[in-house]
Amino acid sequence: MYDLMLLESDRVLAHRRKEVDLYYKDQYGNFEKIAEGYDKGVEDLLASILKKRKMRYMITFIDAIDMQDELKPSAFKILRFFIRNMSYGNIVKGYGFIDMNRELRINTHFITSALNQLFEKDIVRYENIKGRRVYMVNPITFYKGSMKNIFSLVKKFNDMPNYKDHLEGKKKTIVEVEKEKKTIF
């Protein structure tokens, strides 16, 4: 609810209306006041935070903290590696399995299983660009960048190929192959 009020207040500020109170209509048709317009000090603070172009943030969402307890130690280590090395926009590129092995001193088998767990939990997705994987950390869990870009980044992440769909497709083909083997013999 607070986020909706903040978005609405930003809309009001964008139209240069000051000290506008927010109301909603309840089931009986009565208008209930849910928020008061910002005073001048808060407006100045919000304007200074959102207008600075060079201001960047590293945000960790609460659900991400709870989710980290469920990860294998190797998956947690790789996630921390991605978070530490991701650029603004949550992109991690230039790191292959050998690079991760060298940096983290984890066996490539453990790297593969850890990445699979991160893909299954939809924390990380990847695309193959010019034969190299470009990873993207889910901006709903961890975000690095400006406040203006978070919504477009979520959309970009959702447009990337989802590993879960790919994995389910592989399982179906394996089952079909097994059925074919049984019918032949």
N, C-alpha and C. Protein backbone atom coordinates (compact mmCIF):
# COMPACT_ATOMS: atom_id res chain seq x y z
N MET A 1 0.82 -1.18 0.00
CA MET A 1 0.00 0.00 0.00
C MET A 1 0.88 1.25 0.00
N TYR A 2 1.97 1.19 0.77
CA TYR A 2 2.86 2.33 0.84
C TYR A 2 3.46 2.64 -0.54
N ASP A 3 3.82 1.57 -1.28
CA ASP A 3 4.40 1.77 -2.61
C ASP A 3 3.40 2.46 -3.54
N LEU A 4 2.14 2.04 -3.46
CA LEU A 4 1.12 2.68 -4.30
C LEU A 4 0.97 4.15 -3.95
N MET A 5 1.03 4.44 -2.65
CA MET A 5 0.92 5.84 -2.24
C MET A 5 2.13 6.64 -2.73
N LEU A 6 3.31 6.02 -2.68
CA LEU A 6 4.51 6.70 -3.14
C LEU A 6 4.43 6.97 -4.64
N LEU A 7 3.95 5.98 -5.39
CA LEU A 7 3.79 6.18 -6.83
C LEU A 7 2.78 7.28 -7.13
N GLU A 8 1.68 7.27 -6.39
CA GLU A 8 0.66 8.31 -6.58
C GLU A 8 1.21 9.68 -6.20
N SER A 9 1.98 9.73 -5.13
CA SER A 9 2.54 11.02 -4.73
C SER A 9 3.53 11.53 -5.77
N ASP A 10 4.30 10.59 -6.39
CA ASP A 10 5.20 11.01 -7.46
C ASP A 10 4.42 11.56 -8.65
N ARG A 11 3.29 10.93 -8.95
CA ARG A 11 2.44 11.43 -10.04
C ARG A 11 1.94 12.83 -9.72
N VAL A 12 1.53 13.04 -8.48
CA VAL A 12 1.05 14.36 -8.08
C VAL A 12 2.17 15.38 -8.16
N LEU A 13 3.36 14.98 -7.69
CA LEU A 13 4.50 15.90 -7.75
C LEU A 13 4.87 16.24 -9.19
N ALA A 14 4.72 15.25 -10.08
CA ALA A 14 5.07 15.49 -11.48
C ALA A 14 4.16 16.54 -12.10
N HIS A 15 2.93 16.63 -11.64
CA HIS A 15 1.99 17.62 -12.17
C HIS A 15 2.04 18.93 -11.39
N ARG A 16 3.02 19.05 -10.52
CA ARG A 16 3.27 20.27 -9.76
C ARG A 16 2.11 20.66 -8.84
N ARG A 17 1.38 19.66 -8.35
CA ARG A 17 0.34 19.94 -7.35
C ARG A 17 0.95 19.71 -5.99
N LYS A 18 0.79 20.65 -5.10
CA LYS A 18 1.39 20.53 -3.78
C LYS A 18 0.31 20.37 -2.73
N GLU A 19 0.69 19.66 -1.69
CA GLU A 19 -0.18 19.44 -0.54
C GLU A 19 -1.54 18.87 -0.94
N VAL A 20 -1.51 17.83 -1.77
CA VAL A 20 -2.73 17.14 -2.17
C VAL A 20 -2.87 15.90 -1.30
N ASP A 21 -4.02 15.77 -0.63
CA ASP A 21 -4.28 14.59 0.20
C ASP A 21 -4.83 13.48 -0.68
N LEU A 22 -4.53 12.21 -0.30
CA LEU A 22 -5.02 11.07 -1.05
C LEU A 22 -6.19 10.43 -0.30
N TYR A 23 -7.24 10.11 -1.05
CA TYR A 23 -8.44 9.50 -0.47
C TYR A 23 -8.78 8.23 -1.24
N TYR A 24 -9.56 7.36 -0.60
CA TYR A 24 -10.16 6.25 -1.32
C TYR A 24 -11.62 6.15 -0.89
N LYS A 25 -12.39 5.53 -1.77
CA LYS A 25 -13.83 5.42 -1.52
C LYS A 25 -14.09 4.03 -0.96
N ASP A 26 -14.66 3.95 0.26
CA ASP A 26 -14.93 2.66 0.88
C ASP A 26 -16.22 2.06 0.32
N GLN A 27 -16.59 0.89 0.84
CA GLN A 27 -17.75 0.18 0.32
C GLN A 27 -19.06 0.89 0.54
N TYR A 28 -19.10 1.84 1.45
CA TYR A 28 -20.33 2.58 1.73
C TYR A 28 -20.39 3.91 0.97
N GLY A 29 -19.38 4.19 0.17
CA GLY A 29 -19.36 5.42 -0.59
C GLY A 29 -18.74 6.60 0.13
N ASN A 30 -18.17 6.36 1.31
CA ASN A 30 -17.52 7.43 2.07
C ASN A 30 -16.07 7.56 1.64
N PHE A 31 -15.57 8.77 1.59
CA PHE A 31 -14.17 9.01 1.25
C PHE A 31 -13.35 8.97 2.53
N GLU A 32 -12.32 8.12 2.52
CA GLU A 32 -11.43 7.98 3.66
C GLU A 32 -10.05 8.52 3.28
N LYS A 33 -9.51 9.32 4.15
CA LYS A 33 -8.18 9.88 3.91
C LYS A 33 -7.13 8.81 4.22
N ILE A 34 -6.27 8.55 3.25
CA ILE A 34 -5.23 7.54 3.47
C ILE A 34 -3.83 8.15 3.56
N ALA A 35 -3.65 9.34 3.02
CA ALA A 35 -2.33 9.96 3.10
C ALA A 35 -2.46 11.46 2.90
N GLU A 36 -1.57 12.16 3.54
CA GLU A 36 -1.54 13.60 3.39
C GLU A 36 -0.41 13.97 2.43
N GLY A 37 -0.56 15.09 1.79
CA GLY A 37 0.47 15.57 0.89
C GLY A 37 1.75 15.85 1.65
N TYR A 38 2.88 15.70 0.97
CA TYR A 38 4.16 15.97 1.60
C TYR A 38 4.31 17.45 1.92
N ASP A 39 4.99 17.70 2.99
CA ASP A 39 5.33 19.10 3.24
C ASP A 39 6.55 19.45 2.40
N LYS A 40 6.96 20.67 2.40
CA LYS A 40 8.03 21.16 1.54
C LYS A 40 9.36 20.43 1.79
N GLY A 41 9.67 20.10 3.03
CA GLY A 41 10.93 19.42 3.35
C GLY A 41 11.02 18.04 2.73
N VAL A 42 9.93 17.29 2.79
CA VAL A 42 9.92 15.94 2.21
C VAL A 42 9.99 16.02 0.69
N GLU A 43 9.30 17.00 0.10
CA GLU A 43 9.35 17.17 -1.35
C GLU A 43 10.76 17.47 -1.80
N ASP A 44 11.46 18.31 -1.08
CA ASP A 44 12.84 18.65 -1.43
C ASP A 44 13.76 17.43 -1.30
N LEU A 45 13.55 16.63 -0.26
CA LEU A 45 14.35 15.43 -0.06
C LEU A 45 14.12 14.42 -1.19
N LEU A 46 12.86 14.16 -1.52
CA LEU A 46 12.55 13.23 -2.62
C LEU A 46 13.12 13.73 -3.93
N ALA A 47 12.98 15.01 -4.19
CA ALA A 47 13.51 15.58 -5.43
C ALA A 47 15.02 15.43 -5.50
N SER A 48 15.71 15.63 -4.40
CA SER A 48 17.17 15.52 -4.41
C SER A 48 17.61 14.08 -4.59
N ILE A 49 16.86 13.12 -4.04
CA ILE A 49 17.22 11.71 -4.18
C ILE A 49 16.98 11.22 -5.59
N LEU A 50 15.81 11.51 -6.15
CA LEU A 50 15.44 10.96 -7.45
C LEU A 50 16.04 11.72 -8.63
N LYS A 51 16.51 12.92 -8.44
CA LYS A 51 17.02 13.71 -9.56
C LYS A 51 18.51 13.57 -9.76
N LYS A 52 19.23 13.05 -8.77
CA LYS A 52 20.67 12.91 -8.93
C LYS A 52 20.96 11.77 -9.89
N ARG A 53 21.58 12.08 -10.98
CA ARG A 53 21.85 11.07 -12.00
C ARG A 53 22.92 10.09 -11.57
N LYS A 54 23.85 10.53 -10.79
CA LYS A 54 24.95 9.66 -10.41
C LYS A 54 24.65 8.81 -9.19
N MET A 55 23.49 8.99 -8.58
CA MET A 55 23.17 8.21 -7.40
C MET A 55 22.76 6.80 -7.81
N ARG A 56 23.45 5.82 -7.31
CA ARG A 56 23.18 4.41 -7.60
C ARG A 56 22.94 3.69 -6.29
N TYR A 57 22.19 2.58 -6.38
CA TYR A 57 21.81 1.85 -5.18
C TYR A 57 22.14 0.37 -5.34
N MET A 58 22.38 -0.28 -4.23
CA MET A 58 22.45 -1.73 -4.16
C MET A 58 21.38 -2.14 -3.17
N ILE A 59 20.33 -2.76 -3.67
CA ILE A 59 19.17 -3.10 -2.86
C ILE A 59 19.08 -4.62 -2.72
N THR A 60 18.88 -5.08 -1.50
CA THR A 60 18.59 -6.48 -1.23
C THR A 60 17.19 -6.54 -0.65
N PHE A 61 16.33 -7.31 -1.29
CA PHE A 61 14.96 -7.42 -0.83
C PHE A 61 14.85 -8.48 0.26
N ILE A 62 13.86 -8.34 1.13
CA ILE A 62 13.71 -9.21 2.29
C ILE A 62 13.51 -10.67 1.88
N ASP A 63 12.74 -10.91 0.83
CA ASP A 63 12.53 -12.29 0.36
C ASP A 63 13.85 -12.93 -0.05
N ALA A 64 14.76 -12.14 -0.57
CA ALA A 64 16.06 -12.67 -0.99
C ALA A 64 16.88 -13.13 0.20
N ILE A 65 16.75 -12.46 1.31
CA ILE A 65 17.49 -12.86 2.50
C ILE A 65 16.99 -14.20 3.01
N ASP A 66 15.67 -14.38 3.03
CA ASP A 66 15.11 -15.67 3.45
C ASP A 66 15.48 -16.79 2.47
N MET A 67 15.50 -16.47 1.19
CA MET A 67 15.80 -17.45 0.16
C MET A 67 17.24 -17.94 0.26
N GLN A 68 18.15 -17.12 0.74
CA GLN A 68 19.55 -17.50 0.81
C GLN A 68 19.78 -18.66 1.77
N ASP A 69 18.92 -18.80 2.78
CA ASP A 69 19.05 -19.91 3.72
C ASP A 69 18.79 -21.25 3.07
N GLU A 70 18.04 -21.26 1.97
CA GLU A 70 17.68 -22.51 1.29
C GLU A 70 18.73 -22.96 0.27
N LEU A 71 19.70 -22.12 -0.01
CA LEU A 71 20.70 -22.44 -1.03
C LEU A 71 21.79 -23.35 -0.50
N LYS A 72 22.34 -24.15 -1.41
CA LYS A 72 23.52 -24.94 -1.08
C LYS A 72 24.68 -23.97 -0.85
N PRO A 73 25.69 -24.37 -0.10
CA PRO A 73 26.83 -23.47 0.13
C PRO A 73 27.50 -23.01 -1.16
N SER A 74 27.63 -23.91 -2.13
CA SER A 74 28.27 -23.51 -3.39
C SER A 74 27.39 -22.53 -4.17
N ALA A 75 26.07 -22.72 -4.13
CA ALA A 75 25.16 -21.80 -4.81
C ALA A 75 25.20 -20.43 -4.15
N PHE A 76 25.27 -20.42 -2.83
CA PHE A 76 25.35 -19.15 -2.10
C PHE A 76 26.65 -18.42 -2.45
N LYS A 77 27.74 -19.17 -2.57
CA LYS A 77 29.02 -18.58 -2.89
C LYS A 77 29.01 -17.97 -4.30
N ILE A 78 28.40 -18.68 -5.25
CA ILE A 78 28.31 -18.17 -6.62
C ILE A 78 27.39 -16.97 -6.69
N LEU A 79 26.29 -17.00 -5.93
CA LEU A 79 25.38 -15.85 -5.90
C LEU A 79 26.10 -14.61 -5.37
N ARG A 80 26.87 -14.77 -4.31
CA ARG A 80 27.64 -13.65 -3.78
C ARG A 80 28.67 -13.16 -4.80
N PHE A 81 29.27 -14.09 -5.53
CA PHE A 81 30.23 -13.74 -6.59
C PHE A 81 29.53 -12.91 -7.67
N PHE A 82 28.33 -13.34 -8.09
CA PHE A 82 27.58 -12.59 -9.10
C PHE A 82 27.20 -11.20 -8.60
N ILE A 83 26.73 -11.13 -7.37
CA ILE A 83 26.32 -9.83 -6.82
C ILE A 83 27.51 -8.88 -6.73
N ARG A 84 28.65 -9.41 -6.33
CA ARG A 84 29.85 -8.60 -6.19
C ARG A 84 30.35 -8.09 -7.56
N ASN A 85 30.19 -8.91 -8.60
CA ASN A 85 30.75 -8.58 -9.91
C ASN A 85 29.73 -8.07 -10.92
N MET A 86 28.47 -7.93 -10.53
CA MET A 86 27.49 -7.47 -11.51
C MET A 86 27.61 -5.97 -11.73
N SER A 87 27.37 -5.58 -12.97
CA SER A 87 27.41 -4.17 -13.31
C SER A 87 26.04 -3.56 -13.01
N TYR A 88 25.94 -2.24 -13.20
CA TYR A 88 24.63 -1.62 -13.05
C TYR A 88 23.72 -2.21 -14.11
N GLY A 89 22.57 -2.65 -13.68
CA GLY A 89 21.67 -3.36 -14.57
C GLY A 89 21.70 -4.85 -14.32
N ASN A 90 22.38 -5.28 -13.25
CA ASN A 90 22.42 -6.67 -12.80
C ASN A 90 23.04 -7.63 -13.80
N ILE A 91 23.89 -7.17 -14.68
CA ILE A 91 24.51 -8.02 -15.69
C ILE A 91 25.87 -8.50 -15.21
N VAL A 92 26.12 -9.81 -15.41
CA VAL A 92 27.42 -10.40 -15.11
C VAL A 92 27.90 -11.06 -16.40
N LYS A 93 28.98 -10.53 -16.96
CA LYS A 93 29.50 -11.14 -18.18
C LYS A 93 31.01 -11.23 -18.10
N GLY A 94 31.53 -12.13 -18.91
CA GLY A 94 32.97 -12.30 -18.94
C GLY A 94 33.48 -13.38 -17.99
N TYR A 95 32.57 -14.12 -17.38
CA TYR A 95 32.98 -15.18 -16.45
C TYR A 95 32.43 -16.52 -16.93
N GLY A 96 33.33 -17.42 -17.25
CA GLY A 96 32.95 -18.77 -17.60
C GLY A 96 33.18 -19.70 -16.41
N PHE A 97 33.00 -20.98 -16.65
CA PHE A 97 33.17 -21.96 -15.58
C PHE A 97 34.61 -21.97 -15.06
N ILE A 98 35.56 -21.84 -15.97
CA ILE A 98 36.98 -21.86 -15.56
C ILE A 98 37.30 -20.63 -14.72
N ASP A 99 36.74 -19.49 -15.12
CA ASP A 99 36.98 -18.25 -14.35
C ASP A 99 36.39 -18.37 -12.95
N MET A 100 35.17 -18.93 -12.87
CA MET A 100 34.54 -19.10 -11.55
C MET A 100 35.33 -20.11 -10.71
N ASN A 101 35.82 -21.16 -11.37
CA ASN A 101 36.63 -22.16 -10.67
C ASN A 101 37.88 -21.50 -10.10
N ARG A 102 38.53 -20.67 -10.88
CA ARG A 102 39.75 -20.00 -10.45
C ARG A 102 39.47 -19.00 -9.33
N GLU A 103 38.41 -18.22 -9.47
CA GLU A 103 38.08 -17.19 -8.47
C GLU A 103 37.60 -17.78 -7.15
N LEU A 104 36.69 -18.77 -7.24
CA LEU A 104 36.02 -19.28 -6.04
C LEU A 104 36.64 -20.56 -5.49
N ARG A 105 37.50 -21.19 -6.28
CA ARG A 105 38.11 -22.47 -5.89
C ARG A 105 37.04 -23.51 -5.58
N ILE A 106 36.08 -23.61 -6.51
CA ILE A 106 35.01 -24.60 -6.42
C ILE A 106 35.14 -25.51 -7.63
N ASN A 107 34.96 -26.80 -7.42
CA ASN A 107 34.99 -27.78 -8.49
C ASN A 107 33.91 -27.45 -9.52
N THR A 108 34.19 -27.71 -10.80
CA THR A 108 33.22 -27.38 -11.86
C THR A 108 31.92 -28.16 -11.72
N HIS A 109 31.98 -29.36 -11.14
CA HIS A 109 30.74 -30.11 -10.88
C HIS A 109 29.85 -29.35 -9.90
N PHE A 110 30.45 -28.80 -8.85
CA PHE A 110 29.69 -28.03 -7.88
C PHE A 110 29.19 -26.72 -8.48
N ILE A 111 29.98 -26.14 -9.38
CA ILE A 111 29.54 -24.91 -10.05
C ILE A 111 28.30 -25.20 -10.89
N THR A 112 28.32 -26.31 -11.60
CA THR A 112 27.17 -26.68 -12.43
C THR A 112 25.93 -26.91 -11.58
N SER A 113 26.05 -27.66 -10.51
CA SER A 113 24.87 -27.93 -9.66
C SER A 113 24.41 -26.65 -8.96
N ALA A 114 25.34 -25.78 -8.59
CA ALA A 114 24.96 -24.53 -7.94
C ALA A 114 24.23 -23.61 -8.91
N LEU A 115 24.74 -23.51 -10.13
CA LEU A 115 24.05 -22.70 -11.13
C LEU A 115 22.67 -23.26 -11.44
N ASN A 116 22.56 -24.59 -11.50
CA ASN A 116 21.24 -25.20 -11.72
C ASN A 116 20.26 -24.83 -10.62
N GLN A 117 20.73 -24.81 -9.38
CA GLN A 117 19.84 -24.42 -8.28
C GLN A 117 19.45 -22.95 -8.41
N LEU A 118 20.37 -22.09 -8.78
CA LEU A 118 20.05 -20.67 -8.97
C LEU A 118 19.07 -20.47 -10.12
N PHE A 119 19.22 -21.27 -11.19
CA PHE A 119 18.28 -21.19 -12.31
C PHE A 119 16.90 -21.69 -11.91
N GLU A 120 16.85 -22.81 -11.17
CA GLU A 120 15.57 -23.38 -10.76
C GLU A 120 14.80 -22.45 -9.84
N LYS A 121 15.50 -21.74 -8.97
CA LYS A 121 14.83 -20.81 -8.07
C LYS A 121 14.58 -19.45 -8.73
N ASP A 122 14.97 -19.32 -10.00
CA ASP A 122 14.77 -18.12 -10.80
C ASP A 122 15.46 -16.90 -10.19
N ILE A 123 16.63 -17.13 -9.62
CA ILE A 123 17.43 -16.05 -9.07
C ILE A 123 18.33 -15.48 -10.16
N VAL A 124 18.77 -16.35 -11.05
CA VAL A 124 19.67 -15.98 -12.13
C VAL A 124 19.13 -16.56 -13.44
N ARG A 125 19.24 -15.80 -14.50
CA ARG A 125 18.96 -16.29 -15.85
C ARG A 125 20.16 -15.95 -16.72
N TYR A 126 20.23 -16.58 -17.88
CA TYR A 126 21.36 -16.30 -18.77
C TYR A 126 20.93 -16.34 -20.22
N GLU A 127 21.75 -15.70 -21.04
CA GLU A 127 21.62 -15.76 -22.49
C GLU A 127 23.00 -16.08 -23.05
N ASN A 128 23.02 -16.80 -24.14
CA ASN A 128 24.28 -17.06 -24.83
C ASN A 128 24.47 -15.98 -25.89
N ILE A 129 25.52 -15.21 -25.73
CA ILE A 129 25.85 -14.16 -26.70
C ILE A 129 27.27 -14.40 -27.17
N LYS A 130 27.41 -14.68 -28.45
CA LYS A 130 28.71 -14.96 -29.07
C LYS A 130 29.44 -16.09 -28.35
N GLY A 131 28.72 -17.13 -28.01
CA GLY A 131 29.32 -18.30 -27.40
C GLY A 131 29.65 -18.18 -25.92
N ARG A 132 29.33 -17.05 -25.33
CA ARG A 132 29.59 -16.85 -23.90
C ARG A 132 28.27 -16.57 -23.19
N ARG A 133 28.17 -17.04 -21.99
CA ARG A 133 26.98 -16.78 -21.20
C ARG A 133 27.03 -15.38 -20.59
N VAL A 134 25.91 -14.69 -20.69
CA VAL A 134 25.74 -13.41 -20.01
C VAL A 134 24.65 -13.63 -18.98
N TYR A 135 25.02 -13.56 -17.71
CA TYR A 135 24.10 -13.82 -16.62
C TYR A 135 23.42 -12.52 -16.19
N MET A 136 22.21 -12.69 -15.68
CA MET A 136 21.49 -11.54 -15.10
C MET A 136 20.87 -12.00 -13.79
N VAL A 137 21.16 -11.27 -12.72
CA VAL A 137 20.59 -11.56 -11.40
C VAL A 137 19.20 -10.95 -11.36
N ASN A 138 18.26 -11.68 -10.81
CA ASN A 138 16.87 -11.24 -10.75
C ASN A 138 16.77 -9.93 -9.97
N PRO A 139 16.29 -8.86 -10.60
CA PRO A 139 16.21 -7.57 -9.90
C PRO A 139 15.15 -7.53 -8.81
N ILE A 140 14.31 -8.56 -8.74
CA ILE A 140 13.32 -8.62 -7.66
C ILE A 140 13.97 -9.12 -6.37
N THR A 141 15.11 -9.76 -6.49
CA THR A 141 15.83 -10.22 -5.30
C THR A 141 16.97 -9.28 -4.92
N PHE A 142 17.81 -8.94 -5.91
CA PHE A 142 18.92 -8.02 -5.70
C PHE A 142 18.92 -7.03 -6.84
N TYR A 143 19.22 -5.79 -6.54
CA TYR A 143 19.21 -4.77 -7.58
C TYR A 143 20.37 -3.81 -7.40
N LYS A 144 21.03 -3.51 -8.51
CA LYS A 144 22.12 -2.55 -8.49
C LYS A 144 21.88 -1.57 -9.64
N GLY A 145 21.64 -0.33 -9.30
CA GLY A 145 21.40 0.68 -10.33
C GLY A 145 20.64 1.86 -9.76
N SER A 146 20.10 2.67 -10.66
CA SER A 146 19.34 3.84 -10.23
C SER A 146 17.88 3.45 -10.02
N MET A 147 17.18 4.27 -9.28
CA MET A 147 15.78 3.97 -8.96
C MET A 147 14.89 4.04 -10.20
N LYS A 148 15.29 4.80 -11.18
CA LYS A 148 14.46 4.97 -12.38
C LYS A 148 14.44 3.71 -13.24
N ASN A 149 15.46 2.89 -13.17
CA ASN A 149 15.60 1.77 -14.10
C ASN A 149 15.09 0.44 -13.56
N ILE A 150 14.66 0.38 -12.33
CA ILE A 150 14.32 -0.92 -11.74
C ILE A 150 13.15 -1.59 -12.46
N PHE A 151 12.14 -0.83 -12.87
CA PHE A 151 10.97 -1.44 -13.51
C PHE A 151 11.30 -1.95 -14.91
N SER A 152 12.09 -1.19 -15.66
CA SER A 152 12.48 -1.65 -17.00
C SER A 152 13.40 -2.87 -16.90
N LEU A 153 14.19 -2.94 -15.84
CA LEU A 153 15.08 -4.08 -15.66
C LEU A 153 14.31 -5.35 -15.31
N VAL A 154 13.24 -5.21 -14.53
CA VAL A 154 12.39 -6.37 -14.22
C VAL A 154 11.77 -6.90 -15.51
N LYS A 155 11.32 -6.00 -16.36
CA LYS A 155 10.74 -6.41 -17.64
C LYS A 155 11.79 -7.12 -18.51
N LYS A 156 13.00 -6.58 -18.54
CA LYS A 156 14.07 -7.20 -19.31
C LYS A 156 14.39 -8.59 -18.79
N PHE A 157 14.40 -8.75 -17.46
CA PHE A 157 14.66 -10.06 -16.86
C PHE A 157 13.57 -11.05 -17.24
N ASN A 158 12.32 -10.60 -17.21
CA ASN A 158 11.21 -11.49 -17.56
C ASN A 158 11.22 -11.88 -19.04
N ASP A 159 11.83 -11.07 -19.88
CA ASP A 159 11.92 -11.39 -21.30
C ASP A 159 13.05 -12.37 -21.61
N MET A 160 13.97 -12.55 -20.68
CA MET A 160 15.08 -13.48 -20.90
C MET A 160 14.57 -14.92 -20.85
N PRO A 161 15.28 -15.84 -21.51
CA PRO A 161 14.85 -17.25 -21.46
C PRO A 161 14.88 -17.77 -20.02
N ASN A 162 13.83 -18.48 -19.66
CA ASN A 162 13.72 -19.03 -18.31
C ASN A 162 14.27 -20.45 -18.32
N TYR A 163 15.20 -20.71 -17.45
CA TYR A 163 15.82 -22.03 -17.39
C TYR A 163 14.83 -23.12 -16.99
N LYS A 164 13.85 -22.78 -16.15
CA LYS A 164 12.87 -23.79 -15.72
C LYS A 164 12.13 -24.36 -16.93
N ASP A 165 11.72 -23.50 -17.86
CA ASP A 165 11.03 -23.96 -19.07
C ASP A 165 11.94 -24.86 -19.89
N HIS A 166 13.21 -24.46 -19.99
CA HIS A 166 14.18 -25.25 -20.74
C HIS A 166 14.39 -26.62 -20.09
N LEU A 167 14.48 -26.65 -18.78
CA LEU A 167 14.69 -27.89 -18.04
C LEU A 167 13.49 -28.82 -18.20
N GLU A 168 12.27 -28.28 -18.10
CA GLU A 168 11.07 -29.09 -18.28
C GLU A 168 11.01 -29.66 -19.69
N GLY A 169 11.44 -28.89 -20.67
CA GLY A 169 11.49 -29.37 -22.04
C GLY A 169 12.46 -30.53 -22.18
N LYS A 170 13.61 -30.45 -21.51
CA LYS A 170 14.58 -31.55 -21.56
C LYS A 170 14.02 -32.79 -20.90
N LYS A 171 13.33 -32.64 -19.77
CA LYS A 171 12.76 -33.79 -19.09
C LYS A 171 11.75 -34.49 -19.97
N LYS A 172 10.95 -33.75 -20.71
CA LYS A 172 9.96 -34.34 -21.58
C LYS A 172 10.64 -35.15 -22.68
N THR A 173 11.69 -34.64 -23.25
CA THR A 173 12.36 -35.37 -24.32
C THR A 173 13.04 -36.62 -23.77
N ILE A 174 13.56 -36.56 -22.57
CA ILE A 174 14.18 -37.74 -21.97
C ILE A 174 13.12 -38.81 -21.73
N VAL A 175 11.97 -38.42 -21.22
CA VAL A 175 10.88 -39.38 -20.99
C VAL A 175 10.44 -40.00 -22.30
N GLU A 176 10.33 -39.18 -23.34
CA GLU A 176 9.94 -39.71 -24.65
C GLU A 176 10.97 -40.69 -25.17
N VAL A 177 12.24 -40.40 -24.97
CA VAL A 177 13.31 -41.31 -25.41
C VAL A 177 13.21 -42.62 -24.65
N GLU A 178 12.96 -42.56 -23.35
CA GLU A 178 12.82 -43.79 -22.56
C GLU A 178 11.64 -44.62 -23.04
N LYS A 179 10.54 -43.97 -23.37
CA LYS A 179 9.37 -44.70 -23.89
C LYS A 179 9.70 -45.37 -25.21
N GLU A 180 10.44 -44.67 -26.06
CA GLU A 180 10.83 -45.24 -27.34
C GLU A 180 11.72 -46.46 -27.15
N LYS A 181 12.63 -46.41 -26.17
CA LYS A 181 13.51 -47.54 -25.90
C LYS A 181 12.70 -48.75 -25.45
N LYS A 182 11.70 -48.51 -24.61
CA LYS A 182 10.88 -49.62 -24.09
C LYS A 182 10.06 -50.24 -25.20
N THR A 183 9.56 -49.43 -26.11
CA THR A 183 8.75 -50.00 -27.21
C THR A 183 9.60 -50.76 -28.19
N ILE A 184 10.86 -50.42 -28.37
CA ILE A 184 11.73 -51.12 -29.30
C ILE A 184 12.10 -52.48 -28.74
N PHE A 185 12.39 -52.55 -27.46
CA PHE A 185 12.84 -53.82 -26.86
C PHE A 185 11.66 -54.52 -26.34
